[in-house]
C-alpha atoms as a PDB file:
ATOM      1  CA  MET A   1     -35.118  13.756   4.861  1.00  0.00           C
ATOM      2  CA  ALA A   2     -33.387  10.640   6.222  1.00  0.00           C
ATOM      3  CA  LYS A   3     -30.836   8.848   4.113  1.00  0.00           C
ATOM      4  CA  LYS A   4     -32.102   5.538   2.750  1.00  0.00           C
ATOM      5  CA  ILE A   5     -30.012   2.481   3.655  1.00  0.00           C
ATOM      6  CA  ASN A   6     -29.698   0.040   0.765  1.00  0.00           C
ATOM      7  CA  SER A   7     -26.897  -2.225   2.022  1.00  0.00           C
ATOM      8  CA  LEU A   8     -24.610  -2.852   4.986  1.00  0.00           C
ATOM      9  CA  GLU A   9     -21.967  -0.654   3.339  1.00  0.00           C
ATOM     10  CA  ASP A  10     -24.286   2.326   3.841  1.00  0.00           C
ATOM     11  CA  LEU A  11     -23.914   1.844   7.599  1.00  0.00           C
ATOM     12  CA  GLY A  12     -20.284   2.954   7.378  1.00  0.00           C
ATOM     13  CA  GLY A  13     -18.633  -0.273   8.463  1.00  0.00           C
ATOM     14  CA  PHE A  14     -20.778  -0.875  11.519  1.00  0.00           C
ATOM     15  CA  VAL A  15     -22.408  -4.228  12.091  1.00  0.00           C
ATOM     16  CA  PHE A  16     -25.154  -4.644  14.633  1.00  0.00           C
ATOM     17  CA  SER A  17     -25.791  -7.849  16.547  1.00  0.00           C
ATOM     18  CA  THR A  18     -28.547  -8.956  18.869  1.00  0.00           C
ATOM     19  CA  ASN A  19     -26.362 -11.722  20.306  1.00  0.00           C
ATOM     20  CA  LYS A  20     -25.713 -10.884  23.987  1.00  0.00           C
ATOM     21  CA  ASP A  21     -22.703 -13.228  24.129  1.00  0.00           C
ATOM     22  CA  PHE A  22     -20.944 -11.761  21.101  1.00  0.00           C
ATOM     23  CA  GLU A  23     -17.298 -10.830  21.671  1.00  0.00           C
ATOM     24  CA  PHE A  24     -15.457  -8.776  19.107  1.00  0.00           C
ATOM     25  CA  ASP A  25     -12.203 -10.515  18.165  1.00  0.00           C
ATOM     26  CA  THR A  26      -9.696  -7.958  16.920  1.00  0.00           C
ATOM     27  CA  HIS A  27      -6.950 -10.496  16.217  1.00  0.00           C
ATOM     28  CA  SER A  28      -8.813 -12.641  13.688  1.00  0.00           C
ATOM     29  CA  ASP A  29      -9.035  -9.814  11.134  1.00  0.00           C
ATOM     30  CA  MET A  30      -5.398  -8.754  11.308  1.00  0.00           C
ATOM     31  CA  GLN A  31      -3.954  -8.319   7.872  1.00  0.00           C
ATOM     32  CA  GLN A  32      -1.082 -10.606   7.019  1.00  0.00           C
ATOM     33  CA  THR A  33       1.532  -9.938   4.397  1.00  0.00           C
ATOM     34  CA  VAL A  34       1.069 -11.839   1.162  1.00  0.00           C
ATOM     35  CA  ALA A  35       4.094 -13.753  -0.141  1.00  0.00           C
ATOM     36  CA  ASN A  36       6.400 -11.774  -2.441  1.00  0.00           C
ATOM     37  CA  LYS A  37       5.654 -13.898  -5.506  1.00  0.00           C
ATOM     38  CA  LYS A  38       1.897 -13.270  -5.051  1.00  0.00           C
ATOM     39  CA  GLN A  39       2.280  -9.494  -4.746  1.00  0.00           C
ATOM     40  CA  PHE A  40       1.414  -7.374  -7.787  1.00  0.00           C
ATOM     41  CA  LEU A  41       3.016  -3.963  -7.386  1.00  0.00           C
ATOM     42  CA  GLU A  42       2.861  -0.931  -9.675  1.00  0.00           C
ATOM     43  CA  ALA A  43       5.744   1.522 -10.147  1.00  0.00           C
ATOM     44  CA  HIS A  44       4.554   5.042 -11.026  1.00  0.00           C
ATOM     45  CA  LEU A  45       6.278   8.364 -11.644  1.00  0.00           C
ATOM     46  CA  ASP A  46       4.573  11.407 -10.178  1.00  0.00           C
ATOM     47  CA  LYS A  47       5.298  15.119  -9.979  1.00  0.00           C
ATOM     48  CA  LYS A  48       1.927  16.482  -8.919  1.00  0.00           C
ATOM     49  CA  ASN A  49       1.974  18.699  -5.823  1.00  0.00           C
ATOM     50  CA  ARG A  50       5.732  18.301  -5.522  1.00  0.00           C
ATOM     51  CA  GLY A  51       6.941  21.624  -6.889  1.00  0.00           C
ATOM     52  CA  GLY A  52       7.861  20.053 -10.234  1.00  0.00           C
ATOM     53  CA  LYS A  53      10.091  17.426  -8.638  1.00  0.00           C
ATOM     54  CA  ILE A  54       9.663  13.790  -9.630  1.00  0.00           C
ATOM     55  CA  ALA A  55       8.898  10.981  -7.204  1.00  0.00           C
ATOM     56  CA  THR A  56       8.655   7.240  -7.758  1.00  0.00           C
ATOM     57  CA  ILE A  57       5.554   5.726  -6.170  1.00  0.00           C
ATOM     58  CA  ILE A  58       5.039   2.029  -5.472  1.00  0.00           C
ATOM     59  CA  LYS A  59       1.392   0.992  -5.142  1.00  0.00           C
ATOM     60  CA  GLY A  60      -0.449  -2.266  -4.524  1.00  0.00           C
ATOM     61  CA  PHE A  61       1.409  -3.701  -1.513  1.00  0.00           C
ATOM     62  CA  GLN A  62      -0.738  -6.176   0.424  1.00  0.00           C
ATOM     63  CA  GLY A  63       0.392  -6.660   3.972  1.00  0.00           C
ATOM     64  CA  THR A  64       0.997  -5.169   7.357  1.00  0.00           C
ATOM     65  CA  GLU A  65       2.055  -1.573   7.915  1.00  0.00           C
ATOM     66  CA  GLU A  66       5.340  -2.724   9.465  1.00  0.00           C
ATOM     67  CA  ASP A  67       6.252  -4.822   6.409  1.00  0.00           C
ATOM     68  CA  LEU A  68       5.393  -1.914   4.113  1.00  0.00           C
ATOM     69  CA  LYS A  69       7.636   0.412   6.138  1.00  0.00           C
ATOM     70  CA  THR A  70      10.437  -2.170   6.074  1.00  0.00           C
ATOM     71  CA  LEU A  71      10.193  -2.495   2.298  1.00  0.00           C
ATOM     72  CA  GLY A  72      10.138   1.292   1.951  1.00  0.00           C
ATOM     73  CA  LYS A  73      13.242   1.646   4.109  1.00  0.00           C
ATOM     74  CA  THR A  74      15.035  -1.022   2.079  1.00  0.00           C
ATOM     75  CA  LEU A  75      14.229   0.740  -1.208  1.00  0.00           C
ATOM     76  CA  LYS A  76      15.281   4.141   0.139  1.00  0.00           C
ATOM     77  CA  THR A  77      18.570   2.689   1.389  1.00  0.00           C
ATOM     78  CA  LYS A  78      19.385   0.873  -1.867  1.00  0.00           C
ATOM     79  CA  CYS A  79      18.583   3.981  -3.948  1.00  0.00           C
ATOM     80  CA  GLY A  80      20.404   6.279  -1.539  1.00  0.00           C
ATOM     81  CA  VAL A  81      17.567   8.808  -1.372  1.00  0.00           C
ATOM     82  CA  GLY A  82      14.775   9.918   0.919  1.00  0.00           C
ATOM     83  CA  GLY A  83      11.151   9.030   0.803  1.00  0.00           C
ATOM     84  CA  ALA A  84       8.095   8.164   2.842  1.00  0.00           C
ATOM     85  CA  VAL A  85       5.397   5.563   3.374  1.00  0.00           C
ATOM     86  CA  LYS A  86       1.906   7.102   3.265  1.00  0.00           C
ATOM     87  CA  ASP A  87      -1.560   5.887   2.376  1.00  0.00           C
ATOM     88  CA  ASN A  88      -0.345   2.334   1.687  1.00  0.00           C
ATOM     89  CA  GLU A  89       2.149   3.659  -0.887  1.00  0.00           C
ATOM     90  CA  ILE A  90       5.925   3.921  -0.910  1.00  0.00           C
ATOM     91  CA  ILE A  91       7.158   7.301  -2.146  1.00  0.00           C
ATOM     92  CA  ILE A  92      10.805   7.532  -3.234  1.00  0.00           C
ATOM     93  CA  GLN A  93      12.307  10.917  -4.126  1.00  0.00           C
ATOM     94  CA  GLY A  94      13.522  11.068  -7.724  1.00  0.00           C
ATOM     95  CA  ASN A  95      13.166   8.963 -10.856  1.00  0.00           C
ATOM     96  CA  PHE A  96      14.238   5.510  -9.679  1.00  0.00           C
ATOM     97  CA  ARG A  97      11.418   3.538 -11.288  1.00  0.00           C
ATOM     98  CA  ASP A  98      13.674   1.243 -13.360  1.00  0.00           C
ATOM     99  CA  LYS A  99      16.098   0.587 -10.498  1.00  0.00           C
ATOM    100  CA  ILE A 100      13.272  -0.081  -8.035  1.00  0.00           C
ATOM    101  CA  THR A 101      11.539  -2.371 -10.526  1.00  0.00           C
ATOM    102  CA  GLU A 102      14.707  -4.465 -10.843  1.00  0.00           C
ATOM    103  CA  LEU A 103      15.248  -4.509  -7.060  1.00  0.00           C
ATOM    104  CA  LEU A 104      11.684  -5.665  -6.418  1.00  0.00           C
ATOM    105  CA  LYS A 105      11.857  -8.320  -9.134  1.00  0.00           C
ATOM    106  CA  SER A 106      15.062  -9.675  -7.592  1.00  0.00           C
ATOM    107  CA  GLU A 107      13.180  -9.947  -4.269  1.00  0.00           C
ATOM    108  CA  GLY A 108      10.461 -12.021  -6.012  1.00  0.00           C
ATOM    109  CA  TYR A 109       7.757  -9.368  -6.423  1.00  0.00           C
ATOM    110  CA  ASN A 110       5.670  -9.019  -9.592  1.00  0.00           C
ATOM    111  CA  VAL A 111       6.164  -5.403 -10.660  1.00  0.00           C
ATOM    112  CA  LYS A 112       4.439  -3.538 -13.463  1.00  0.00           C
ATOM    113  CA  ARG A 113       5.836  -0.263 -14.808  1.00  0.00           C
ATOM    114  CA  VAL A 114       2.943   2.172 -15.175  1.00  0.00           C
ATOM    115  CA  GLY A 115       3.068   5.312 -17.306  1.00  0.00           C
ATOM    116  CA  SER A 116       5.523   6.624 -19.834  1.00  0.00           C
END
């Protein structure tokens, strides 16, 4: 039985056009980084799938991958620990949620502490 298509989202992100002169413009949809004061970030603590070790996770960044990596590197450097940037999240090794919250607020970000 064929899957019924109810909306364009069911097509998996594809858009069809009958316009022969249509040219796909890849540069018009490039994501730009939102200003710091308009960013709403969340600081989480997580220890799932980490062998019982705690990690601080920053979620909600809106911007380019390069800017996210730059912010992640800055936070890792200021905390003096390792970490990673994956799946649009910044992961910092250890419980640095309060320190990171203060650092981000001093940079002009809106940060919400999530969890206990």
